[in-house]
Amino acid sequence: MSGNATVDTGRFARILTLIVFVTTVFIVVASVRLEGVLFQIGALAIGAVGFITAIIGFLVAASQFYDATA
């Protein structure tokens, strides 16, 4: 972590990479286990959770900027 007041892009990139990997694994497993409409609902739910988790990851990474400016 550097001393300047910017969003920690390294932390955000690591979190985003982990979220993409886990979401992909869950979508692949859902495609093997579920069929038809149930798969569509499952994929939508998994994608929504992944998106919300990415937003939370950005907020965690941006908290360093907020702490540095306060």
Protein backbone atom coordinates (compact mmCIF):
# COMPACT_ATOMS: atom_id res chain seq x y z
CA MET A 1 0.00 0.00 0.00
CA SER A 2 1.33 3.34 -0.97
CA GLY A 3 1.16 6.59 0.94
CA ASN A 4 -0.91 8.48 -1.61
CA ALA A 5 -4.67 8.95 -1.37
CA THR A 6 -5.96 6.81 -4.26
CA VAL A 7 -8.17 3.78 -4.58
CA ASP A 8 -6.14 0.62 -3.96
CA THR A 9 -6.31 -0.86 -7.47
CA GLY A 10 -4.23 -3.91 -6.51
CA ARG A 11 -6.67 -4.93 -3.80
CA PHE A 12 -9.63 -4.29 -6.11
CA ALA A 13 -8.04 -6.35 -8.91
CA ARG A 14 -7.41 -9.30 -6.57
CA ILE A 15 -10.97 -9.19 -5.24
CA LEU A 16 -12.43 -8.86 -8.75
CA THR A 17 -10.34 -11.78 -10.04
CA LEU A 18 -11.52 -13.98 -7.18
CA ILE A 19 -15.16 -12.98 -7.75
CA VAL A 20 -14.93 -13.73 -11.48
CA PHE A 21 -13.35 -17.13 -10.83
CA VAL A 22 -15.88 -18.19 -8.19
CA THR A 23 -18.83 -16.92 -10.24
CA THR A 24 -17.59 -18.82 -13.30
CA VAL A 25 -17.24 -22.05 -11.33
CA PHE A 26 -20.75 -21.69 -9.92
CA ILE A 27 -22.23 -20.97 -13.38
CA VAL A 28 -20.49 -24.04 -14.85
CA VAL A 29 -21.70 -26.26 -12.01
CA ALA A 30 -25.23 -24.85 -12.38
CA SER A 31 -25.18 -25.54 -16.12
CA VAL A 32 -24.29 -29.17 -15.47
CA ARG A 33 -26.86 -29.67 -12.69
CA LEU A 34 -29.79 -27.51 -13.81
CA GLU A 35 -31.83 -27.39 -17.02
CA GLY A 36 -34.16 -24.97 -18.74
CA VAL A 37 -35.85 -22.24 -16.76
CA LEU A 38 -34.29 -23.36 -13.50
CA PHE A 39 -30.81 -22.84 -14.98
CA GLN A 40 -31.77 -19.35 -16.18
CA ILE A 41 -33.02 -18.42 -12.71
CA GLY A 42 -29.91 -19.89 -11.10
CA ALA A 43 -27.56 -18.09 -13.49
CA LEU A 44 -29.35 -14.80 -12.87
CA ALA A 45 -29.13 -15.27 -9.10
CA ILE A 46 -25.44 -16.21 -9.27
CA GLY A 47 -24.70 -13.21 -11.50
CA ALA A 48 -26.57 -10.85 -9.18
CA VAL A 49 -24.63 -12.09 -6.16
CA GLY A 50 -21.36 -11.73 -8.09
CA PHE A 51 -22.26 -8.17 -9.11
CA ILE A 52 -23.20 -7.13 -5.58
CA THR A 53 -20.00 -8.72 -4.27
CA ALA A 54 -17.97 -6.74 -6.83
CA ILE A 55 -19.61 -3.51 -5.63
CA ILE A 56 -18.73 -4.38 -2.04
CA GLY A 57 -15.17 -5.18 -3.14
CA PHE A 58 -14.86 -1.75 -4.73
CA LEU A 59 -16.14 -0.11 -1.56
CA VAL A 60 -13.58 -2.02 0.50
CA ALA A 61 -10.79 -0.94 -1.86
CA ALA A 62 -12.05 2.66 -1.86
CA SER A 63 -12.18 2.78 1.93
CA GLN A 64 -8.42 3.37 1.98
CA PHE A 65 -8.98 6.57 -0.03
CA TYR A 66 -11.67 7.69 2.39
CA ASP A 67 -9.46 6.99 5.41
CA ALA A 68 -6.55 8.90 3.86
CA THR A 69 -8.65 12.01 3.17
CA ALA A 70 -10.37 12.09 6.57
